Each structure stands twice: as C-alpha cells, then as structure tokens.
Amino acid sequence: MKSKDSGFFEMVYRVTCLIPPGRVSTYGAIARYLGSSGAARMVGWALNSSHSSGKFIPAHRVVNRNGVLTGKHHFGTSNAMQQLLENEKISVHDDQVVNFTQLFWDPCLEL
C-alpha cells in the first residue's frame, strides 16, 4: 500500500471503530462519510486488510447495503463474522442481518 491508500485505510479504521456494539454500518455509508461515495469497494479492501493492522477493528460490524455478510470469508471460518455479530445480540439469518434497517448506523447522521 502506498501512503494514499494507507491514509484512506486508516480513516476507514477510525470510522469503523466508532460503530457501537449491537449496530452495523455499510461499506457505502463509510465511503460517503469519508467523502468518497464511489469507494465502497475500497472500504471493503481496507477492512479485509484490517486483520493485519495490529489493533482490533470491528470489521464484523460492516455489511453490504442490504445487510448481507459479504465479507464473511475474511474472518478465518465461515461463521466467525456471524458469531461476532450474534455475540453483540445482532440476529443473522441466511447470512443477512435481521432488522438491518433498525440496526443501521450511518456515520453521516451519527457523527
């Protein structure tokens, strides 16, 4: 990663760390908050790399725009992301957050 990507990744990590336990956000919402509305995939890349950042980043709280656990294969086991969410009392059914609309945390509105 060059410094531009590293700076963006660090901003993604900072926002992701602000998502409260028991709430979820989306790749797109984080990208919009950072002023890069077309960079949802880059937010995903940042979160995929977060496991090697040396600090805890609650990447399990970030899902796609429909509440689907699209990044689950980056958590070591196929059910680790779901288990992390369920540990925070977030119900998941068929890889989708139940009550996604009610649990959605939008940094543009919350911060």
N, C-alpha and C. Protein backbone atom coordinates (compact mmCIF):
# COMPACT_ATOMS: atom_id res chain seq x y z
N MET A 1 0.83 -1.18 0.00
CA MET A 1 0.00 0.00 0.00
C MET A 1 0.88 1.24 0.00
N LYS A 2 0.54 2.17 -0.82
CA LYS A 2 1.21 3.46 -0.81
C LYS A 2 0.52 4.36 0.20
N SER A 3 1.11 5.51 0.47
CA SER A 3 0.60 6.38 1.53
C SER A 3 -0.84 6.82 1.32
N LYS A 4 -1.25 7.05 0.06
CA LYS A 4 -2.64 7.47 -0.19
C LYS A 4 -3.62 6.39 0.28
N ASP A 5 -3.37 5.13 -0.10
CA ASP A 5 -4.22 4.02 0.34
C ASP A 5 -4.14 3.85 1.85
N SER A 6 -2.93 3.93 2.40
CA SER A 6 -2.76 3.76 3.84
C SER A 6 -3.54 4.82 4.60
N GLY A 7 -3.52 6.05 4.13
CA GLY A 7 -4.28 7.12 4.79
C GLY A 7 -5.77 6.86 4.72
N PHE A 8 -6.26 6.42 3.57
CA PHE A 8 -7.67 6.10 3.43
C PHE A 8 -8.03 4.93 4.34
N PHE A 9 -7.20 3.90 4.34
CA PHE A 9 -7.46 2.73 5.18
C PHE A 9 -7.54 3.14 6.65
N GLU A 10 -6.64 4.00 7.10
CA GLU A 10 -6.66 4.46 8.50
C GLU A 10 -7.94 5.22 8.81
N MET A 11 -8.41 6.03 7.85
CA MET A 11 -9.67 6.74 8.07
C MET A 11 -10.83 5.75 8.18
N VAL A 12 -10.82 4.72 7.34
CA VAL A 12 -11.85 3.67 7.40
C VAL A 12 -11.81 3.00 8.77
N TYR A 13 -10.62 2.69 9.25
CA TYR A 13 -10.48 2.03 10.55
C TYR A 13 -11.03 2.91 11.67
N ARG A 14 -10.72 4.20 11.61
CA ARG A 14 -11.20 5.12 12.67
C ARG A 14 -12.73 5.17 12.70
N VAL A 15 -13.35 5.27 11.53
CA VAL A 15 -14.82 5.32 11.48
C VAL A 15 -15.41 3.99 11.94
N THR A 16 -14.83 2.89 11.48
CA THR A 16 -15.33 1.57 11.85
C THR A 16 -15.27 1.36 13.36
N CYS A 17 -14.23 1.87 14.00
CA CYS A 17 -14.11 1.74 15.45
C CYS A 17 -15.18 2.53 16.20
N LEU A 18 -15.85 3.45 15.53
CA LEU A 18 -16.90 4.24 16.16
C LEU A 18 -18.28 3.59 16.09
N ILE A 19 -18.41 2.52 15.30
CA ILE A 19 -19.70 1.83 15.21
C ILE A 19 -19.97 1.17 16.56
N PRO A 20 -21.06 1.51 17.19
CA PRO A 20 -21.33 0.95 18.52
C PRO A 20 -21.61 -0.56 18.46
N PRO A 21 -21.24 -1.27 19.51
CA PRO A 21 -21.64 -2.69 19.58
C PRO A 21 -23.15 -2.80 19.44
N GLY A 22 -23.58 -3.82 18.72
CA GLY A 22 -25.01 -4.02 18.51
C GLY A 22 -25.59 -3.26 17.34
N ARG A 23 -24.73 -2.56 16.61
CA ARG A 23 -25.16 -1.80 15.42
C ARG A 23 -24.28 -2.23 14.25
N VAL A 24 -24.75 -1.96 13.03
CA VAL A 24 -23.98 -2.27 11.82
C VAL A 24 -24.01 -1.07 10.88
N SER A 25 -22.98 -0.98 10.06
CA SER A 25 -22.93 0.03 9.02
C SER A 25 -22.64 -0.68 7.70
N THR A 26 -22.48 0.12 6.65
CA THR A 26 -22.21 -0.46 5.34
C THR A 26 -20.93 0.14 4.75
N TYR A 27 -20.40 -0.58 3.78
CA TYR A 27 -19.21 -0.10 3.06
C TYR A 27 -19.50 1.25 2.42
N GLY A 28 -20.66 1.37 1.81
CA GLY A 28 -21.04 2.60 1.13
C GLY A 28 -21.24 3.77 2.07
N ALA A 29 -21.84 3.51 3.23
CA ALA A 29 -22.08 4.59 4.20
C ALA A 29 -20.76 5.14 4.72
N ILE A 30 -19.80 4.26 4.95
CA ILE A 30 -18.48 4.70 5.41
C ILE A 30 -17.79 5.49 4.31
N ALA A 31 -17.87 5.01 3.07
CA ALA A 31 -17.26 5.72 1.95
C ALA A 31 -17.87 7.11 1.79
N ARG A 32 -19.21 7.21 1.87
CA ARG A 32 -19.87 8.52 1.77
C ARG A 32 -19.40 9.46 2.88
N TYR A 33 -19.31 8.95 4.09
CA TYR A 33 -18.87 9.77 5.22
C TYR A 33 -17.46 10.32 4.97
N LEU A 34 -16.63 9.51 4.34
CA LEU A 34 -15.25 9.92 4.07
C LEU A 34 -15.12 10.78 2.82
N GLY A 35 -16.26 11.10 2.19
CA GLY A 35 -16.24 11.97 1.01
C GLY A 35 -15.87 11.25 -0.27
N SER A 36 -15.98 9.93 -0.26
CA SER A 36 -15.63 9.12 -1.43
C SER A 36 -16.76 8.16 -1.74
N SER A 37 -17.91 8.70 -2.13
CA SER A 37 -19.12 7.89 -2.28
C SER A 37 -18.95 6.70 -3.23
N GLY A 38 -18.04 6.76 -4.15
CA GLY A 38 -17.83 5.65 -5.08
C GLY A 38 -16.81 4.64 -4.62
N ALA A 39 -16.37 4.74 -3.38
CA ALA A 39 -15.27 3.91 -2.91
C ALA A 39 -15.68 2.80 -1.94
N ALA A 40 -16.90 2.30 -2.07
CA ALA A 40 -17.36 1.24 -1.16
C ALA A 40 -16.44 0.02 -1.25
N ARG A 41 -16.01 -0.34 -2.45
CA ARG A 41 -15.11 -1.49 -2.59
C ARG A 41 -13.78 -1.25 -1.89
N MET A 42 -13.30 -0.02 -1.96
CA MET A 42 -12.04 0.29 -1.29
C MET A 42 -12.20 0.19 0.22
N VAL A 43 -13.37 0.57 0.73
CA VAL A 43 -13.64 0.39 2.16
C VAL A 43 -13.57 -1.10 2.49
N GLY A 44 -14.14 -1.92 1.63
CA GLY A 44 -14.07 -3.37 1.81
C GLY A 44 -12.63 -3.87 1.81
N TRP A 45 -11.83 -3.38 0.89
CA TRP A 45 -10.41 -3.78 0.85
C TRP A 45 -9.71 -3.37 2.15
N ALA A 46 -10.01 -2.17 2.61
CA ALA A 46 -9.40 -1.71 3.86
C ALA A 46 -9.78 -2.65 5.01
N LEU A 47 -11.05 -3.00 5.09
CA LEU A 47 -11.48 -3.86 6.18
C LEU A 47 -10.94 -5.28 6.04
N ASN A 48 -10.76 -5.74 4.81
CA ASN A 48 -10.15 -7.05 4.60
C ASN A 48 -8.71 -7.05 5.10
N SER A 49 -8.05 -5.91 5.01
CA SER A 49 -6.66 -5.78 5.47
C SER A 49 -6.58 -5.46 6.96
N SER A 50 -7.69 -5.14 7.59
CA SER A 50 -7.66 -4.69 8.98
C SER A 50 -7.16 -5.75 9.94
N HIS A 51 -7.27 -7.02 9.56
CA HIS A 51 -6.83 -8.10 10.45
C HIS A 51 -5.32 -8.05 10.69
N SER A 52 -4.60 -7.42 9.79
CA SER A 52 -3.14 -7.31 9.94
C SER A 52 -2.72 -5.92 10.43
N SER A 53 -3.67 -5.13 10.89
CA SER A 53 -3.36 -3.75 11.31
C SER A 53 -2.67 -3.69 12.67
N GLY A 54 -2.74 -4.76 13.43
CA GLY A 54 -2.13 -4.78 14.75
C GLY A 54 -3.04 -4.28 15.86
N LYS A 55 -4.24 -3.85 15.50
CA LYS A 55 -5.20 -3.42 16.52
C LYS A 55 -6.58 -3.98 16.16
N PHE A 56 -7.46 -3.99 17.14
CA PHE A 56 -8.80 -4.53 16.90
C PHE A 56 -9.64 -3.51 16.14
N ILE A 57 -10.09 -3.91 14.97
CA ILE A 57 -11.01 -3.12 14.15
C ILE A 57 -12.29 -3.96 14.04
N PRO A 58 -13.43 -3.47 14.48
CA PRO A 58 -14.66 -4.27 14.45
C PRO A 58 -15.26 -4.37 13.05
N ALA A 59 -14.49 -4.94 12.13
CA ALA A 59 -14.91 -5.06 10.74
C ALA A 59 -16.16 -5.91 10.59
N HIS A 60 -16.44 -6.75 11.57
CA HIS A 60 -17.65 -7.59 11.51
C HIS A 60 -18.92 -6.75 11.55
N ARG A 61 -18.83 -5.50 11.96
CA ARG A 61 -20.00 -4.61 12.03
C ARG A 61 -20.29 -3.92 10.70
N VAL A 62 -19.53 -4.24 9.66
CA VAL A 62 -19.75 -3.61 8.36
C VAL A 62 -20.22 -4.68 7.38
N VAL A 63 -21.37 -4.41 6.78
CA VAL A 63 -22.02 -5.35 5.86
C VAL A 63 -22.35 -4.62 4.56
N ASN A 64 -22.92 -5.33 3.62
CA ASN A 64 -23.27 -4.64 2.37
C ASN A 64 -24.56 -3.84 2.53
N ARG A 65 -24.96 -3.14 1.50
CA ARG A 65 -26.11 -2.22 1.58
C ARG A 65 -27.43 -2.90 1.87
N ASN A 66 -27.47 -4.21 1.74
CA ASN A 66 -28.69 -4.97 2.04
C ASN A 66 -28.60 -5.70 3.38
N GLY A 67 -27.50 -5.49 4.10
CA GLY A 67 -27.33 -6.17 5.38
C GLY A 67 -26.76 -7.56 5.27
N VAL A 68 -26.20 -7.90 4.11
CA VAL A 68 -25.64 -9.24 3.89
C VAL A 68 -24.17 -9.27 4.31
N LEU A 69 -23.77 -10.37 4.91
CA LEU A 69 -22.40 -10.55 5.39
C LEU A 69 -21.48 -10.94 4.23
N THR A 70 -21.24 -10.02 3.33
CA THR A 70 -20.44 -10.32 2.15
C THR A 70 -18.96 -10.49 2.45
N GLY A 71 -18.48 -9.96 3.56
CA GLY A 71 -17.06 -10.08 3.89
C GLY A 71 -16.73 -11.25 4.80
N LYS A 72 -17.67 -12.15 5.00
CA LYS A 72 -17.50 -13.20 6.00
C LYS A 72 -16.33 -14.14 5.72
N HIS A 73 -15.94 -14.29 4.48
CA HIS A 73 -14.84 -15.21 4.17
C HIS A 73 -13.47 -14.66 4.59
N HIS A 74 -13.43 -13.43 5.08
CA HIS A 74 -12.18 -12.84 5.56
C HIS A 74 -12.00 -12.97 7.07
N PHE A 75 -12.84 -13.77 7.71
CA PHE A 75 -12.80 -13.89 9.16
C PHE A 75 -12.29 -15.24 9.65
N GLY A 76 -11.60 -15.97 8.82
CA GLY A 76 -10.99 -17.22 9.27
C GLY A 76 -11.87 -18.44 9.10
N THR A 77 -13.08 -18.40 9.63
CA THR A 77 -14.02 -19.51 9.45
C THR A 77 -15.30 -18.95 8.84
N SER A 78 -16.09 -19.81 8.25
CA SER A 78 -17.28 -19.36 7.53
C SER A 78 -18.35 -18.74 8.44
N ASN A 79 -18.31 -19.04 9.73
CA ASN A 79 -19.34 -18.49 10.61
C ASN A 79 -18.78 -17.50 11.65
N ALA A 80 -17.52 -17.13 11.55
CA ALA A 80 -16.91 -16.24 12.56
C ALA A 80 -17.55 -14.86 12.57
N MET A 81 -17.81 -14.27 11.41
CA MET A 81 -18.42 -12.94 11.36
C MET A 81 -19.82 -12.98 11.99
N GLN A 82 -20.59 -13.99 11.63
CA GLN A 82 -21.93 -14.14 12.21
C GLN A 82 -21.84 -14.30 13.71
N GLN A 83 -20.90 -15.11 14.19
CA GLN A 83 -20.76 -15.33 15.63
C GLN A 83 -20.40 -14.03 16.36
N LEU A 84 -19.51 -13.23 15.78
CA LEU A 84 -19.15 -11.95 16.38
C LEU A 84 -20.37 -11.03 16.48
N LEU A 85 -21.18 -11.00 15.43
CA LEU A 85 -22.40 -10.19 15.46
C LEU A 85 -23.39 -10.72 16.49
N GLU A 86 -23.57 -12.02 16.52
CA GLU A 86 -24.51 -12.61 17.47
C GLU A 86 -24.04 -12.40 18.91
N ASN A 87 -22.73 -12.33 19.13
CA ASN A 87 -22.21 -12.03 20.47
C ASN A 87 -22.63 -10.63 20.91
N GLU A 88 -22.96 -9.78 19.95
CA GLU A 88 -23.42 -8.41 20.23
C GLU A 88 -24.94 -8.32 20.14
N LYS A 89 -25.60 -9.46 20.18
CA LYS A 89 -27.08 -9.54 20.15
C LYS A 89 -27.68 -9.11 18.81
N ILE A 90 -26.91 -9.25 17.73
CA ILE A 90 -27.41 -8.98 16.38
C ILE A 90 -27.78 -10.32 15.76
N SER A 91 -29.04 -10.48 15.40
CA SER A 91 -29.50 -11.72 14.79
C SER A 91 -29.14 -11.74 13.31
N VAL A 92 -28.70 -12.92 12.86
CA VAL A 92 -28.35 -13.13 11.46
C VAL A 92 -29.07 -14.37 10.98
N HIS A 93 -29.71 -14.26 9.82
CA HIS A 93 -30.40 -15.41 9.22
C HIS A 93 -30.01 -15.48 7.76
N ASP A 94 -29.53 -16.64 7.32
CA ASP A 94 -29.09 -16.83 5.93
C ASP A 94 -28.10 -15.74 5.51
N ASP A 95 -27.11 -15.49 6.35
CA ASP A 95 -26.04 -14.51 6.08
C ASP A 95 -26.55 -13.08 5.94
N GLN A 96 -27.70 -12.77 6.50
CA GLN A 96 -28.24 -11.41 6.44
C GLN A 96 -28.65 -10.95 7.83
N VAL A 97 -28.33 -9.70 8.15
CA VAL A 97 -28.69 -9.12 9.45
C VAL A 97 -30.20 -8.96 9.51
N VAL A 98 -30.79 -9.53 10.55
CA VAL A 98 -32.23 -9.38 10.80
C VAL A 98 -32.44 -7.97 11.37
N ASN A 99 -33.48 -7.32 10.95
CA ASN A 99 -33.78 -5.94 11.38
C ASN A 99 -32.67 -4.97 10.99
N PHE A 100 -32.11 -5.18 9.82
CA PHE A 100 -30.99 -4.36 9.35
C PHE A 100 -31.32 -2.86 9.41
N THR A 101 -32.49 -2.47 8.95
CA THR A 101 -32.85 -1.05 8.91
C THR A 101 -32.81 -0.43 10.30
N GLN A 102 -33.28 -1.16 11.29
CA GLN A 102 -33.29 -0.63 12.66
C GLN A 102 -31.89 -0.58 13.28
N LEU A 103 -31.02 -1.48 12.86
CA LEU A 103 -29.67 -1.57 13.43
C LEU A 103 -28.64 -0.75 12.66
N PHE A 104 -29.04 -0.22 11.50
CA PHE A 104 -28.12 0.51 10.64
C PHE A 104 -27.61 1.79 11.32
N TRP A 105 -26.31 1.94 11.33
CA TRP A 105 -25.62 3.10 11.90
C TRP A 105 -24.99 3.86 10.75
N ASP A 106 -25.49 5.05 10.49
CA ASP A 106 -24.99 5.88 9.38
C ASP A 106 -24.07 6.95 9.94
N PRO A 107 -22.77 6.88 9.65
CA PRO A 107 -21.85 7.87 10.21
C PRO A 107 -22.18 9.29 9.77
N CYS A 108 -22.82 9.46 8.62
CA CYS A 108 -23.20 10.80 8.17
C CYS A 108 -24.25 11.42 9.09
N LEU A 109 -25.05 10.59 9.74
CA LEU A 109 -26.08 11.07 10.66
C LEU A 109 -25.64 11.01 12.12
N GLU A 110 -24.80 10.05 12.44
CA GLU A 110 -24.43 9.79 13.83
C GLU A 110 -23.21 10.59 14.30
N LEU A 111 -22.38 11.00 13.37
CA LEU A 111 -21.14 11.72 13.76
C LEU A 111 -21.23 13.18 13.42
